[in-house]
Amino acid sequence: MSEYERDERSSAPDHPAIETQSEILHRIHFDIFTLFPSMFVGPFGESIIKRAIERGLISICLHNIRDYTTDRHHICDDTPYGGGGGMIMKPEPVVRAVETVLARPAGWSLPPEDAYVNLPEWNPEAPTPLPPDTPVILLTPQGRLLNQSLVVELARYRRLALICGRYEGVDERVRQIVTDEISIGDYVISGGELAAMVIVDAVTRLTPGALGYELGAHQDSHSPGLGGLLEGPQYTRPHTFRGESVPSVLLSGHHANIERWRREQALLRTLQRRPDLLAKASLSEADLAFLRLHGWTPSLQRASHREQSNSTIIE
């Protein structure tokens, strides 16, 4: 039975999940602020995220920023001062939505019938105190680059607020309430919704009880269990496919040899595909000896990494 099948069976009604104390104590709530809440329906209604919600391991509230407008046409964007193409998200609806929601307990959302017409009192000139233990994250290509270390950092919180930008971006004054900015890569997409989905998925995987195999997230590529390396090749049935057979070591039953093979394959795959990761990986003497056999020069690679880390990028 595959890991996926085991996970599916364990989530069925006749295989109830057994909660441990650590699972109960570390649940995460996501508040997502967006102009397009319907974009999240499909991704959050499937697979790991769906099961994590059903088990009460995470909770998600989608807040439509447009609901917090008070003008006749419910406008959330306007032309940029100084000219230029595109539209900019106005600060008032975004800030009002975030301050209104975060000033209340996790799980609160504006009743649909109150949108536009019966909003909680809010003073645009007086900032609302926000909970200090809840990061307010603007999803923007200008933010910190998302990696597994950052995911681990986010997974320590009990509540996260994600602001999804749109159009040409948000008015700069929205950053008055922002505590962090995150980018999922050095490219531009149409809005922060996809980035929010990525963050929710990555953080959920680290939530105790979310995966069928508890060590799965710990042994993924870039994870602490692999010391930041890429994961090596994986095999399942059939034994032979198109002339290629499963490596015999995986059938040997010798756990020490299997673990060493997997470590070496992770090292080799990282060397071949992401050699830059080796410069900051925690490597044993056996790891270094294996890499040297395959042409890796630690001093040159690590020196190159230091030079890149010390360089200054001018935009």
Foldseek 3Di string as FASTA:
>chain_A
DDQLVLFVVCLDPVNDDDDDPLQVVQAAEEEEEEQCVVVCVVLCCDDLNVSCVVVRRYYYDYANLLLQDQDPVSDQWDADPPDDDKIAGEQVSVQLLVLQQQVDDGPDYDPPVCRNPPGPDDDPVDRRDGDPLEAAEEEDLPFAADDLVVLVVVLVGRYYYYYKAAMPGYDPVNCVRHDGYYYPDNDDDGMCPVVVSVSVVSSSLQRPPSGSDRCVNCQAACHVVLQNFHWFDDDDDDQDDPHDGDPVVVVPPPVVSVVVVRNLRRLVVCVVPPVLSVLNGDDDPVSVVSVVVVPDDNVVSVVVNVCVVPDDDDD
